[in-house]
């Protein structure tokens, strides 16, 4: 990669706009920033106006980094256009689910498995917005005492379901608010629960780690929260766990984390760290994370920065 890059953001919904915001705030070395979507239009982000172009193969000519923030699936942007972008010389960082479990594609949280990012064939996958904060918290605990089992309950905001659902929440009367279940259900678990287990195993490189997840969508605008029960191989006190997490990158201790406190922050908030009275090697903790930021846009751009740094080091 060059020091002055042409960067494309594909998809300009909640995550795509947050990517633009983070690129600007972190002064990412972009000579040109192209915004692409299904239809051409004008867009304003934090007072800066952008021309949004149509996503098509030709739009990736000269692009160094392509950040895919939009649709998933057979007709999604990454499946349709990532290969063409790679052929034109771009590295693709995909925020969707299409490539995460492909064994040829690294699934990266820079604070957890940065070394995997350069092992790509043109595409790096950005994990699920609950997997990212979970692995940031699990890594220091695993390094200190080993993981034997993890159980997770998530409380996920509506912004994780797209800008249209954020608007729906804004227009909903308080007495109409309720828990929402909009993920695919196979009779045993939601696909979100499967993602959380399989992605965490891949990132942590613990393919047999028992992980059980229960995921719900809650009437919160921004910010996901998780209750995490951890069983370790070796004893680990709550005080020691607290010290480990206080020193962990992108983790901040907070007595009572909440989505509201986490909104707009780069760090994962972690608190209520305590012994599990039902297991001698058990810990319980609660975390909150801005799902649009560290849970999506920031992590993707950190991957790009990581790749840029490796390229600069090779050139030095």
Protein backbone atom coordinates (compact mmCIF):
# COMPACT_ATOMS: atom_id res chain seq x y z
CA UNK A 1 0.00 0.00 0.00
CA UNK A 2 1.06 3.58 -0.63
CA UNK A 3 1.05 6.33 1.97
CA UNK A 4 -1.64 8.28 0.08
CA UNK A 5 -4.44 5.91 -0.77
CA UNK A 6 -7.66 5.84 -2.70
CA UNK A 7 -10.28 4.42 -0.36
CA UNK A 8 -13.77 3.24 -1.28
CA UNK A 9 -16.60 2.83 1.22
CA UNK A 10 -19.28 0.58 -0.22
CA UNK A 11 -22.64 1.10 1.45
CA UNK A 12 -23.60 4.38 3.10
CA UNK A 13 -26.02 3.28 5.80
CA UNK A 14 -25.26 3.52 9.52
CA UNK A 15 -22.00 1.54 9.33
CA UNK A 16 -20.82 3.14 6.09
CA UNK A 17 -21.33 6.63 7.48
CA UNK A 18 -19.48 5.65 10.64
CA UNK A 19 -16.61 4.40 8.47
CA UNK A 20 -16.41 7.82 6.82
CA UNK A 21 -16.46 9.46 10.23
CA UNK A 22 -13.69 7.23 11.62
CA UNK A 23 -11.51 7.65 8.53
CA UNK A 24 -11.66 11.41 8.98
CA UNK A 25 -11.18 11.35 12.76
CA UNK A 26 -8.15 9.05 12.56
CA UNK A 27 -6.66 11.00 9.65
CA UNK A 28 -6.38 7.88 7.55
CA UNK A 29 -4.00 8.66 4.64
CA UNK A 30 -6.66 8.82 1.95
CA UNK A 31 -5.90 10.93 -1.10
CA UNK A 32 -9.40 10.19 -2.39
CA UNK A 33 -12.47 8.86 -0.62
CA UNK A 34 -15.11 7.29 -2.88
CA UNK A 35 -18.54 6.50 -1.51
CA UNK A 36 -20.51 3.88 -3.40
CA UNK A 37 -24.06 2.57 -3.06
CA UNK A 38 -26.88 1.07 -5.13
CA UNK A 39 -27.96 4.49 -6.34
CA UNK A 40 -26.13 7.78 -6.89
CA UNK A 41 -26.96 10.64 -4.56
CA UNK A 42 -25.55 13.33 -2.30
CA UNK A 43 -24.70 12.57 1.33
CA UNK A 44 -23.62 14.73 4.24
CA UNK A 45 -21.56 13.29 7.11
CA UNK A 46 -20.62 15.62 9.98
CA UNK A 47 -21.04 18.67 7.76
CA UNK A 48 -18.96 17.30 4.88
CA UNK A 49 -20.79 16.67 1.63
CA UNK A 50 -20.01 13.68 -0.55
CA UNK A 51 -21.08 12.54 -3.97
CA UNK A 52 -22.18 8.89 -3.73
CA UNK A 53 -21.51 6.90 -6.88
CA UNK A 54 -23.09 3.71 -8.13
CA UNK A 55 -21.40 0.47 -7.09
CA UNK A 56 -20.09 -1.16 -10.25
CA UNK A 57 -16.86 -2.87 -11.29
CA UNK A 58 -15.48 0.24 -12.97
CA UNK A 59 -15.86 2.25 -9.75
CA UNK A 60 -12.97 0.29 -8.18
CA UNK A 61 -10.36 1.38 -10.73
CA UNK A 62 -7.41 2.77 -8.81
CA UNK A 63 -8.84 1.85 -5.40
CA UNK A 64 -6.29 0.68 -2.82
CA UNK A 65 -8.64 -0.15 0.06
CA UNK A 66 -12.31 -1.11 -0.34
CA UNK A 67 -14.34 -1.07 2.87
CA UNK A 68 -17.57 -2.99 2.32
CA UNK A 69 -20.20 -1.87 4.81
CA UNK A 70 -23.38 -2.83 3.01
CA UNK A 71 -25.54 -5.77 2.11
CA UNK A 72 -24.72 -9.43 2.54
CA UNK A 73 -25.77 -12.59 0.78
CA UNK A 74 -25.92 -13.89 -2.75
CA UNK A 75 -26.82 -10.49 -4.23
CA UNK A 76 -24.88 -8.46 -1.69
CA UNK A 77 -22.19 -5.95 -2.57
CA UNK A 78 -19.20 -7.96 -1.35
CA UNK A 79 -20.23 -11.16 -3.09
CA UNK A 80 -20.94 -9.24 -6.29
CA UNK A 81 -18.02 -6.80 -6.40
CA UNK A 82 -15.20 -7.89 -4.06
CA UNK A 83 -13.51 -10.16 -6.58
CA UNK A 84 -13.47 -7.43 -9.22
CA UNK A 85 -12.09 -4.91 -6.73
CA UNK A 86 -9.28 -7.33 -5.82
CA UNK A 87 -8.45 -7.87 -9.50
CA UNK A 88 -8.09 -4.11 -9.86
CA UNK A 89 -5.55 -4.04 -7.04
CA UNK A 90 -7.65 -3.28 -3.96
CA UNK A 91 -7.52 -5.03 -0.63
CA UNK A 92 -11.09 -5.67 0.52
CA UNK A 93 -12.15 -5.42 4.15
CA UNK A 94 -15.66 -6.80 4.40
CA UNK A 95 -17.94 -6.03 7.33
CA UNK A 96 -20.52 -8.63 6.32
CA UNK A 97 -20.91 -12.30 7.06
CA UNK A 98 -20.15 -13.67 3.59
CA UNK A 99 -16.45 -14.47 4.02
CA UNK A 100 -15.95 -14.70 7.78
CA UNK A 101 -15.83 -18.48 8.00
CA UNK A 102 -13.99 -19.03 4.72
CA UNK A 103 -10.73 -20.77 5.75
CA UNK A 104 -8.84 -18.76 3.14
CA UNK A 105 -9.98 -15.44 4.63
CA UNK A 106 -8.51 -14.08 7.87
CA UNK A 107 -11.10 -12.91 10.41
CA UNK A 108 -9.36 -10.19 12.38
CA UNK A 109 -9.63 -8.21 15.58
CA UNK A 110 -6.31 -6.31 15.64
CA UNK A 111 -6.00 -6.45 19.44
CA UNK A 112 -6.47 -10.23 19.35
CA UNK A 113 -5.00 -11.78 16.18
CA UNK A 114 -3.25 -9.02 14.24
CA UNK A 115 -0.72 -11.47 12.80
CA UNK A 116 -3.46 -13.06 10.68
CA UNK A 117 -4.31 -9.90 8.74
CA UNK A 118 -1.39 -10.07 6.26
CA UNK A 119 -2.22 -13.72 5.51
CA UNK A 120 -4.86 -12.67 3.03
CA UNK A 121 -5.51 -13.28 -0.66
CA UNK A 122 -7.02 -9.85 -1.17
CA UNK A 123 -9.81 -9.92 1.41
CA UNK A 124 -9.94 -9.65 5.21
CA UNK A 125 -13.20 -10.19 7.08
CA UNK A 126 -14.45 -7.92 9.85
CA UNK A 127 -16.17 -9.91 12.63
CA UNK A 128 -19.66 -9.61 14.01
CA UNK A 129 -20.36 -6.60 16.21
CA UNK A 130 -20.69 -8.77 19.33
CA UNK A 131 -17.73 -11.01 18.53
CA UNK A 132 -15.29 -8.08 18.41
CA UNK A 133 -15.79 -6.84 21.99
CA UNK A 134 -16.13 -10.36 23.33
CA UNK A 135 -12.75 -11.47 21.94
CA UNK A 136 -11.07 -8.26 23.16
CA UNK A 137 -12.14 -9.26 26.66
CA UNK A 138 -11.52 -13.00 26.38
CA UNK A 139 -7.96 -12.80 25.05
CA UNK A 140 -6.22 -11.54 28.23
CA UNK A 141 -8.19 -14.00 30.36
CA UNK A 142 -7.24 -16.87 28.07
CA UNK A 143 -3.57 -15.91 28.05
CA UNK A 144 -3.53 -15.83 31.86
CA UNK A 145 -5.61 -18.86 32.77
CA UNK A 146 -6.91 -20.65 29.66
CA UNK A 147 -10.55 -20.83 28.62
CA UNK A 148 -12.62 -23.89 29.44
CA UNK A 149 -16.11 -22.65 28.58
CA UNK A 150 -17.86 -19.38 27.67
CA UNK A 151 -21.54 -18.49 27.93
CA UNK A 152 -22.87 -15.20 26.58
CA UNK A 153 -26.17 -13.33 26.64
CA UNK A 154 -26.28 -10.34 24.29
CA UNK A 155 -28.53 -7.29 24.31
CA UNK A 156 -28.10 -5.75 20.86
CA UNK A 157 -29.25 -2.32 19.75
CA UNK A 158 -31.40 -1.65 16.72
CA UNK A 159 -28.60 0.17 14.91
CA UNK A 160 -27.11 -3.28 14.30
CA UNK A 161 -30.12 -3.95 12.10
CA UNK A 162 -29.59 -0.88 9.92
CA UNK A 163 -30.52 2.77 9.65
CA UNK A 164 -34.17 2.02 8.81
CA UNK A 165 -34.60 0.26 12.15
CA UNK A 166 -33.00 3.20 13.95
CA UNK A 167 -35.65 5.40 12.37
CA UNK A 168 -38.33 2.92 13.38
CA UNK A 169 -37.17 3.12 16.99
CA UNK A 170 -37.14 6.91 16.90
CA UNK A 171 -40.78 6.86 15.80
CA UNK A 172 -41.93 4.22 18.31
CA UNK A 173 -43.95 5.21 21.35
CA UNK A 174 -42.49 4.09 24.71
CA UNK A 175 -45.44 1.81 25.48
CA UNK A 176 -44.85 -0.05 22.20
CA UNK A 177 -41.22 -0.96 22.92
CA UNK A 178 -40.44 -4.66 23.22
CA UNK A 179 -37.69 -7.21 22.69
CA UNK A 180 -37.16 -8.04 19.04
CA UNK A 181 -36.10 -11.29 17.40
CA UNK A 182 -35.41 -10.75 13.72
CA UNK A 183 -32.60 -13.22 13.01
CA UNK A 184 -32.99 -16.47 11.12
CA UNK A 185 -33.99 -19.36 13.40
CA UNK A 186 -33.17 -22.98 12.55
CA UNK A 187 -35.22 -24.53 15.36
CA UNK A 188 -32.30 -24.60 17.78
CA UNK A 189 -30.62 -21.19 17.68
CA UNK A 190 -30.55 -17.88 15.85
CA UNK A 191 -27.91 -17.42 13.16
CA UNK A 192 -26.52 -14.58 15.30
CA UNK A 193 -25.78 -17.09 18.05
CA UNK A 194 -24.04 -19.43 15.63
CA UNK A 195 -21.95 -16.55 14.29
CA UNK A 196 -20.86 -15.53 17.76
CA UNK A 197 -19.68 -19.03 18.61
CA UNK A 198 -17.94 -19.89 15.35
CA UNK A 199 -16.30 -16.50 14.86
CA UNK A 200 -14.96 -16.44 18.41
CA UNK A 201 -13.48 -19.88 17.95
CA UNK A 202 -11.78 -18.84 14.72
CA UNK A 203 -10.36 -15.58 16.05
CA UNK A 204 -9.16 -17.10 19.31
CA UNK A 205 -7.85 -20.18 17.45
CA UNK A 206 -9.74 -22.43 19.85
CA UNK A 207 -11.84 -24.58 17.49
CA UNK A 208 -13.23 -26.80 20.24
CA UNK A 209 -14.01 -24.12 22.82
CA UNK A 210 -17.53 -24.66 24.18
CA UNK A 211 -19.44 -21.41 23.62
CA UNK A 212 -23.15 -20.99 24.19
CA UNK A 213 -24.87 -17.75 23.21
CA UNK A 214 -28.34 -16.30 23.58
CA UNK A 215 -28.92 -13.15 21.50
CA UNK A 216 -31.77 -10.66 21.57
CA UNK A 217 -32.40 -7.29 19.97
CA UNK A 218 -33.43 -4.59 22.46
CA UNK A 219 -35.02 -1.14 21.95
CA UNK A 220 -31.75 0.79 22.26
CA UNK A 221 -30.50 3.09 19.50
CA UNK A 222 -26.73 2.43 19.64
CA UNK A 223 -24.56 0.11 21.72
CA UNK A 224 -24.51 -3.62 22.31
CA UNK A 225 -24.15 -5.14 25.77
CA UNK A 226 -23.19 -8.66 26.83
CA UNK A 227 -23.26 -10.67 30.02
CA UNK A 228 -20.38 -13.17 29.88
CA UNK A 229 -19.83 -16.23 32.04
CA UNK A 230 -16.26 -17.54 31.73
CA UNK A 231 -14.83 -20.79 33.07
CA UNK A 232 -11.02 -20.89 33.08
CA UNK A 233 -8.64 -23.84 33.12
CA UNK A 234 -6.67 -22.39 36.04
CA UNK A 235 -8.06 -20.36 38.93
CA UNK A 236 -8.28 -16.64 38.25
CA UNK A 237 -9.55 -14.23 40.88
CA UNK A 238 -11.87 -11.37 40.04
CA UNK A 239 -9.18 -8.92 41.18
CA UNK A 240 -6.61 -10.48 38.85
CA UNK A 241 -9.10 -10.50 36.00
CA UNK A 242 -9.81 -6.84 36.65
CA UNK A 243 -6.09 -6.01 36.50
CA UNK A 244 -5.65 -7.97 33.28
CA UNK A 245 -8.57 -6.25 31.61
CA UNK A 246 -7.45 -2.81 32.80
CA UNK A 247 -4.19 -3.36 30.92
CA UNK A 248 -5.77 -4.87 27.79
CA UNK A 249 -5.80 -2.80 24.58
CA UNK A 250 -9.12 -1.20 23.64
CA UNK A 251 -10.68 -2.20 26.97
CA UNK A 252 -11.73 0.26 29.68
CA UNK A 253 -12.96 -0.67 33.15
CA UNK A 254 -16.27 0.85 34.23
CA UNK A 255 -18.20 -0.02 37.36
CA UNK A 256 -21.50 -0.25 35.49
CA UNK A 257 -21.06 -0.35 31.69
CA UNK A 258 -24.03 0.59 29.55
CA UNK A 259 -24.75 1.15 25.86
CA UNK A 260 -25.24 4.84 26.56
CA UNK A 261 -21.81 5.15 28.13
CA UNK A 262 -20.18 3.17 25.30
CA UNK A 263 -21.75 5.19 22.48
CA UNK A 264 -19.07 7.11 20.59
CA UNK A 265 -16.17 5.40 22.39
CA UNK A 266 -13.38 3.42 20.77
CA UNK A 267 -13.04 1.14 23.81
CA UNK A 268 -15.02 -1.81 25.11
CA UNK A 269 -16.38 -1.00 28.57
CA UNK A 270 -16.14 -3.87 31.06
CA UNK A 271 -17.45 -4.04 34.61
CA UNK A 272 -19.27 -6.07 37.25
CA UNK A 273 -16.30 -8.47 37.20
CA UNK A 274 -16.98 -11.02 39.90
CA UNK A 275 -16.52 -14.65 40.87
CA UNK A 276 -19.19 -17.06 39.70
CA UNK A 277 -20.48 -18.67 42.92
CA UNK A 278 -21.45 -21.83 41.00
CA UNK A 279 -17.95 -22.61 39.65
CA UNK A 280 -14.59 -22.45 41.45
CA UNK A 281 -12.91 -21.33 38.21
CA UNK A 282 -15.79 -19.17 37.06
CA UNK A 283 -16.02 -15.43 36.41
CA UNK A 284 -18.95 -13.25 35.41
CA UNK A 285 -18.64 -9.86 33.75
CA UNK A 286 -20.67 -7.35 31.81
CA UNK A 287 -19.49 -5.41 28.75
CA UNK A 288 -20.82 -2.70 26.47
CA UNK A 289 -19.52 -1.51 23.11
CA UNK A 290 -20.55 0.94 20.41
CA UNK A 291 -21.56 -1.57 17.73
CA UNK A 292 -21.26 0.93 14.88
CA UNK A 293 -17.80 2.03 15.97
CA UNK A 294 -15.51 -0.59 17.56
CA UNK A 295 -18.07 -3.25 16.68
CA UNK A 296 -17.84 -2.45 12.96
CA UNK A 297 -16.31 0.68 11.38
CA UNK A 298 -13.35 1.27 13.69
CA UNK A 299 -12.27 -2.37 13.69
CA UNK A 300 -12.34 -2.43 9.87
CA UNK A 301 -10.22 0.70 9.63
CA UNK A 302 -7.82 -0.64 12.27
CA UNK A 303 -7.34 -3.63 9.97
CA UNK A 304 -6.53 -1.27 7.09
CA UNK A 305 -4.09 0.63 9.31
CA UNK A 306 -2.51 -2.66 10.32
CA UNK A 307 -2.01 -3.67 6.69
CA UNK A 308 -0.71 -0.21 5.85
CA UNK A 309 1.80 -0.40 8.69
CA UNK A 310 3.04 -3.81 7.58
CA UNK A 311 3.47 -2.55 4.02
CA UNK A 312 5.38 0.51 5.23
CA UNK A 313 7.65 -1.67 7.36
CA UNK A 314 8.45 -3.90 4.36
CA UNK A 315 9.26 -0.85 2.25
CA UNK A 316 11.56 0.67 4.88
